[in-house]
């Protein structure tokens, strides 16, 4: 009996660390969470690791390198532009413009004032432009955009954002078996709802999922990667979908215990109109707003 028990543990306790991301996703779709709860938990923990949940990690490294090059280029332009402006100042003070030092003057204020001022204005303009370009590049805003997502092609990335965001929400509302965390990649791929993603420097930071029924816009889910919390991203996504045409009103459902989400929707004019407790035991409320 002891041998069988040990053998059973060896067979059941699978080491998911050796699995690839695609193998983990396939395992998650096929595993019976009720029959093998320990394996299910280990599988979810493995998928929650940064190396697993950030499929664009390599791309982020490339972006970081690009940003470093951008800063170096910007600083070089600023230094060069200031040097040209400083030289223009000294030329103005001396009244003589030299192409190179210890060479005959290109223009002087006494012999050829028109030529002198022409060269002076040109160098001041060039120096000012290069300096301004460097400053603009240095403080250029991040590449941020909201786009419609093809959930069939981006299900892995959407799933990663879902897992990290819903894990935080489950702790917030005190849910032990939070149904959104059970949503898998296969289900996301097959979903007939519409997904919009908020990307920052080509990395997906948040996802809003909506459905439409005649003139009603139903916000099915709104998730933000925890590393992008407190940036106002969720509010921007709500504003984005509410600004779409052909809808007279919008509705959303959330847990009664999810105070941050409720307050966020209230800021956009949502008003509570219904409360109930589903079979899973987490009390929910529904809110609506006239667009």
Protein backbone atom coordinates (compact mmCIF):
# COMPACT_ATOMS: atom_id res chain seq x y z
CA UNK A 1 0.00 0.00 0.00
CA UNK A 2 2.85 2.35 0.85
CA UNK A 3 4.52 1.62 -2.49
CA UNK A 4 1.28 2.30 -4.37
CA UNK A 5 0.77 5.52 -2.46
CA UNK A 6 4.29 6.72 -3.32
CA UNK A 7 3.85 5.68 -6.94
CA UNK A 8 0.56 7.55 -7.10
CA UNK A 9 2.23 10.71 -5.77
CA UNK A 10 5.07 10.44 -8.28
CA UNK A 11 2.61 10.04 -11.15
CA UNK A 12 0.19 12.72 -10.01
CA UNK A 13 2.70 15.35 -8.85
CA UNK A 14 3.87 16.56 -12.23
CA UNK A 15 6.84 18.90 -12.58
CA UNK A 16 5.54 21.63 -14.89
CA UNK A 17 8.78 23.63 -14.87
CA UNK A 18 10.09 21.56 -17.79
CA UNK A 19 7.00 22.29 -19.90
CA UNK A 20 7.03 24.83 -22.71
CA UNK A 21 4.46 27.66 -22.72
CA UNK A 22 2.35 25.93 -25.38
CA UNK A 23 2.47 22.65 -23.44
CA UNK A 24 1.40 24.44 -20.26
CA UNK A 25 -1.54 26.04 -22.06
CA UNK A 26 -2.60 22.66 -23.51
CA UNK A 27 -2.35 21.09 -20.05
CA UNK A 28 -4.46 23.88 -18.54
CA UNK A 29 -7.19 23.32 -21.12
CA UNK A 30 -7.33 19.56 -20.50
CA UNK A 31 -6.72 19.20 -16.75
CA UNK A 32 -9.57 18.38 -14.39
CA UNK A 33 -9.20 20.96 -11.62
CA UNK A 34 -11.57 19.09 -9.29
CA UNK A 35 -9.91 15.71 -9.69
CA UNK A 36 -6.34 17.03 -9.56
CA UNK A 37 -6.50 20.27 -7.53
CA UNK A 38 -2.81 20.17 -6.53
CA UNK A 39 -1.61 19.77 -10.10
CA UNK A 40 -4.04 22.46 -11.21
CA UNK A 41 -2.59 24.86 -8.62
CA UNK A 42 1.00 24.01 -9.62
CA UNK A 43 0.09 24.52 -13.26
CA UNK A 44 -1.45 27.93 -12.56
CA UNK A 45 1.56 28.92 -10.41
CA UNK A 46 3.92 27.97 -13.23
CA UNK A 47 1.92 30.01 -15.74
CA UNK A 48 1.92 32.96 -13.33
CA UNK A 49 5.72 33.16 -13.30
CA UNK A 50 7.10 36.28 -15.09
CA UNK A 51 9.01 34.12 -17.55
CA UNK A 52 5.72 32.44 -18.53
CA UNK A 53 3.24 35.30 -18.36
CA UNK A 54 5.34 37.75 -20.32
CA UNK A 55 5.70 36.24 -23.81
CA UNK A 56 7.05 39.56 -25.04
CA UNK A 57 9.92 39.65 -22.54
CA UNK A 58 12.48 39.34 -25.31
CA UNK A 59 10.75 42.10 -27.24
CA UNK A 60 10.80 44.29 -24.13
CA UNK A 61 14.59 43.86 -23.96
CA UNK A 62 14.87 44.98 -27.58
CA UNK A 63 12.67 48.00 -26.83
CA UNK A 64 14.85 48.86 -23.82
CA UNK A 65 17.94 48.79 -26.04
CA UNK A 66 16.19 51.02 -28.57
CA UNK A 67 15.30 53.47 -25.80
CA UNK A 68 18.95 53.56 -24.68
CA UNK A 69 20.05 54.36 -28.24
CA UNK A 70 17.36 57.04 -28.45
CA UNK A 71 18.63 58.73 -25.28
CA UNK A 72 22.25 58.60 -26.49
CA UNK A 73 21.27 60.11 -29.83
CA UNK A 74 19.23 62.83 -28.13
CA UNK A 75 22.07 63.79 -25.77
CA UNK A 76 24.53 63.89 -28.68
CA UNK A 77 22.21 66.24 -30.60
CA UNK A 78 21.81 68.51 -27.58
CA UNK A 79 25.57 68.74 -27.01
CA UNK A 80 26.26 69.36 -30.72
CA UNK A 81 23.50 71.97 -30.97
CA UNK A 82 24.74 73.83 -27.89
CA UNK A 83 28.28 73.75 -29.24
CA UNK A 84 27.12 75.35 -32.51
CA UNK A 85 25.16 77.99 -30.61
CA UNK A 86 28.14 78.72 -28.36
CA UNK A 87 30.44 79.08 -31.36
CA UNK A 88 27.90 81.39 -33.01
CA UNK A 89 27.99 83.56 -29.89
CA UNK A 90 31.78 83.82 -29.97
CA UNK A 91 31.65 84.63 -33.71
CA UNK A 92 29.21 87.42 -32.97
CA UNK A 93 31.42 88.78 -30.19
CA UNK A 94 34.57 88.69 -32.34
CA UNK A 95 32.83 89.92 -35.51
CA UNK A 96 34.68 87.29 -37.55
CA UNK A 97 33.60 83.85 -38.76
CA UNK A 98 36.26 81.24 -39.40
CA UNK A 99 35.64 77.93 -41.14
CA UNK A 100 38.50 76.53 -39.11
CA UNK A 101 40.86 78.12 -36.68
CA UNK A 102 44.13 79.49 -38.06
CA UNK A 103 42.56 79.79 -41.52
CA UNK A 104 41.39 82.92 -43.40
CA UNK A 105 38.02 84.29 -42.26
CA UNK A 106 34.93 83.21 -44.17
CA UNK A 107 33.22 86.50 -43.35
CA UNK A 108 33.73 89.47 -41.07
CA UNK A 109 31.48 92.23 -39.80
CA UNK A 110 33.78 94.93 -41.15
CA UNK A 111 34.51 93.66 -44.66
CA UNK A 112 31.26 91.83 -45.53
CA UNK A 113 28.48 92.43 -42.98
CA UNK A 114 25.72 90.83 -45.12
CA UNK A 115 27.70 87.64 -45.54
CA UNK A 116 28.64 87.71 -41.86
CA UNK A 117 25.03 87.94 -40.66
CA UNK A 118 23.91 85.35 -43.21
CA UNK A 119 26.42 82.83 -41.85
CA UNK A 120 25.59 83.83 -38.28
CA UNK A 121 21.84 83.36 -38.68
CA UNK A 122 22.40 80.06 -40.45
CA UNK A 123 24.60 78.67 -37.66
CA UNK A 124 22.20 79.94 -34.96
CA UNK A 125 19.27 78.32 -36.79
CA UNK A 126 21.13 75.05 -37.27
CA UNK A 127 22.26 74.95 -33.65
CA UNK A 128 18.79 75.80 -32.37
CA UNK A 129 17.15 73.15 -34.57
CA UNK A 130 19.58 70.39 -33.55
CA UNK A 131 19.22 71.28 -29.86
CA UNK A 132 15.41 71.34 -30.08
CA UNK A 133 15.40 68.00 -31.93
CA UNK A 134 17.54 66.45 -29.21
CA UNK A 135 15.28 67.76 -26.43
CA UNK A 136 12.16 66.59 -28.27
CA UNK A 137 13.63 63.11 -28.78
CA UNK A 138 14.76 62.88 -25.16
CA UNK A 139 11.36 63.75 -23.73
CA UNK A 140 9.27 62.12 -26.43
CA UNK A 141 6.20 60.43 -24.95
CA UNK A 142 5.92 56.66 -24.86
CA UNK A 143 4.37 54.92 -27.82
CA UNK A 144 0.86 54.40 -26.44
CA UNK A 145 -2.14 53.21 -28.40
CA UNK A 146 -5.51 51.49 -28.08
CA UNK A 147 -6.27 48.93 -30.76
CA UNK A 148 -8.81 46.23 -31.48
CA UNK A 149 -7.28 42.83 -30.74
CA UNK A 150 -7.67 39.68 -32.79
CA UNK A 151 -8.37 37.29 -29.91
CA UNK A 152 -7.66 34.27 -32.08
CA UNK A 153 -4.08 35.44 -32.65
CA UNK A 154 -3.40 37.20 -29.34
CA UNK A 155 -5.16 34.82 -26.93
CA UNK A 156 -1.87 33.94 -25.19
CA UNK A 157 -1.10 37.57 -24.38
CA UNK A 158 -4.69 38.34 -23.35
CA UNK A 159 -4.65 35.26 -21.12
CA UNK A 160 -1.43 36.48 -19.43
CA UNK A 161 -3.01 39.85 -18.58
CA UNK A 162 -6.19 38.11 -17.36
CA UNK A 163 -4.28 35.79 -15.03
CA UNK A 164 -2.19 38.50 -13.38
CA UNK A 165 -5.07 40.95 -13.03
CA UNK A 166 -7.69 38.47 -11.83
CA UNK A 167 -5.26 37.04 -9.25
CA UNK A 168 -5.14 40.49 -7.64
CA UNK A 169 -8.92 40.91 -7.88
CA UNK A 170 -9.54 37.49 -6.30
CA UNK A 171 -7.48 38.52 -3.26
CA UNK A 172 -9.23 41.88 -3.11
CA UNK A 173 -12.74 40.43 -2.94
CA UNK A 174 -11.70 37.36 -0.92
CA UNK A 175 -12.67 34.80 -3.56
CA UNK A 176 -11.03 31.36 -3.28
CA UNK A 177 -12.44 29.88 -6.48
CA UNK A 178 -12.61 32.90 -8.76
CA UNK A 179 -14.26 31.79 -12.01
CA UNK A 180 -12.49 34.35 -14.28
CA UNK A 181 -9.17 32.70 -13.34
CA UNK A 182 -10.46 29.44 -14.81
CA UNK A 183 -10.86 31.05 -18.21
CA UNK A 184 -8.37 29.43 -20.58
CA UNK A 185 -6.73 30.32 -23.89
CA UNK A 186 -9.05 28.06 -25.88
CA UNK A 187 -12.06 29.88 -24.48
CA UNK A 188 -10.55 33.29 -25.29
CA UNK A 189 -9.88 32.19 -28.86
CA UNK A 190 -13.45 31.01 -29.34
CA UNK A 191 -15.04 34.07 -27.72
CA UNK A 192 -17.39 36.07 -29.93
CA UNK A 193 -16.89 39.22 -27.87
CA UNK A 194 -14.67 42.12 -28.96
CA UNK A 195 -11.33 42.85 -27.28
CA UNK A 196 -9.50 46.18 -27.19
CA UNK A 197 -5.97 46.41 -25.89
CA UNK A 198 -4.01 49.28 -24.38
CA UNK A 199 -0.39 48.94 -25.47
CA UNK A 200 2.57 50.83 -24.08
CA UNK A 201 5.80 50.58 -26.06
CA UNK A 202 4.38 47.64 -28.01
CA UNK A 203 3.57 45.64 -24.83
CA UNK A 204 -0.03 44.86 -23.87
CA UNK A 205 -0.79 46.61 -20.58
CA UNK A 206 -4.58 46.21 -20.34
CA UNK A 207 -7.59 44.64 -22.06
CA UNK A 208 -11.24 45.61 -22.17
CA UNK A 209 -13.75 43.09 -23.51
CA UNK A 210 -17.14 44.22 -24.78
CA UNK A 211 -20.25 42.74 -26.33
CA UNK A 212 -23.02 44.48 -28.21
CA UNK A 213 -26.74 43.85 -28.15
CA UNK A 214 -28.75 46.26 -30.29
CA UNK A 215 -28.00 49.66 -28.75
CA UNK A 216 -26.48 48.29 -25.54
CA UNK A 217 -22.74 48.06 -24.93
CA UNK A 218 -21.90 45.36 -22.38
CA UNK A 219 -18.48 45.63 -20.72
CA UNK A 220 -17.70 41.96 -20.10
CA UNK A 221 -14.25 42.37 -18.57
CA UNK A 222 -11.64 45.01 -17.84
CA UNK A 223 -8.18 43.86 -16.77
CA UNK A 224 -4.91 45.72 -16.24
CA UNK A 225 -1.48 44.18 -15.80
CA UNK A 226 -0.46 44.89 -12.15
CA UNK A 227 2.81 46.45 -13.37
CA UNK A 228 0.67 49.16 -15.01
CA UNK A 229 -1.62 49.89 -12.08
CA UNK A 230 -2.34 53.50 -11.05
CA UNK A 231 -1.67 54.96 -14.51
CA UNK A 232 -5.32 55.69 -15.37
CA UNK A 233 -5.28 53.02 -18.09
CA UNK A 234 -8.59 51.41 -17.08
CA UNK A 235 -10.29 54.80 -17.18
CA UNK A 236 -8.90 55.47 -20.67
CA UNK A 237 -10.22 52.16 -21.94
CA UNK A 238 -13.67 52.85 -20.51
CA UNK A 239 -13.70 56.29 -22.15
CA UNK A 240 -12.61 54.72 -25.42
CA UNK A 241 -15.44 52.18 -25.63
CA UNK A 242 -18.06 54.67 -24.38
CA UNK A 243 -17.07 57.03 -27.20
CA UNK A 244 -17.95 54.45 -29.85
CA UNK A 245 -21.01 55.16 -31.97
CA UNK A 246 -24.35 53.34 -32.27
CA UNK A 247 -24.93 52.75 -28.55
CA UNK A 248 -27.52 54.41 -26.34
CA UNK A 249 -26.35 52.94 -23.04
CA UNK A 250 -23.71 50.69 -21.47
CA UNK A 251 -23.85 48.12 -18.68
CA UNK A 252 -21.25 46.39 -16.52
CA UNK A 253 -21.22 43.84 -13.70
CA UNK A 254 -18.71 43.53 -10.87
CA UNK A 255 -18.38 42.15 -7.36
CA UNK A 256 -19.93 44.24 -4.58
CA UNK A 257 -16.64 43.92 -2.70
CA UNK A 258 -14.66 45.38 -5.62
CA UNK A 259 -14.85 48.98 -4.38
CA UNK A 260 -12.08 50.37 -6.67
CA UNK A 261 -13.90 49.10 -9.78
CA UNK A 262 -17.26 50.47 -8.58
CA UNK A 263 -15.75 53.89 -7.87
CA UNK A 264 -14.07 53.89 -11.28
CA UNK A 265 -17.32 53.19 -13.11
CA UNK A 266 -19.11 55.84 -11.03
CA UNK A 267 -16.61 58.40 -12.31
CA UNK A 268 -17.82 57.59 -15.82
CA UNK A 269 -21.47 58.08 -14.85
CA UNK A 270 -22.44 54.47 -14.14
CA UNK A 271 -25.26 53.97 -11.64
CA UNK A 272 -26.15 50.77 -9.80
CA UNK A 273 -29.49 49.22 -10.77
CA UNK A 274 -29.33 45.62 -9.56
CA UNK A 275 -27.78 43.34 -6.91
CA UNK A 276 -27.82 39.54 -6.64
CA UNK A 277 -25.80 36.57 -5.41
CA UNK A 278 -24.99 33.90 -8.06
CA UNK A 279 -24.43 30.22 -7.27
CA UNK A 280 -20.70 30.78 -6.66
CA UNK A 281 -21.61 32.93 -3.64
CA UNK A 282 -19.89 36.20 -4.61
CA UNK A 283 -22.40 39.03 -4.36
CA UNK A 284 -22.50 41.11 -7.54
CA UNK A 285 -24.04 44.33 -8.76
CA UNK A 286 -24.91 45.69 -12.17
CA UNK A 287 -24.39 49.29 -13.26
CA UNK A 288 -25.48 51.26 -16.31
CA UNK A 289 -24.90 54.61 -17.96
CA UNK A 290 -26.70 56.47 -20.74
CA UNK A 291 -24.24 57.35 -23.49
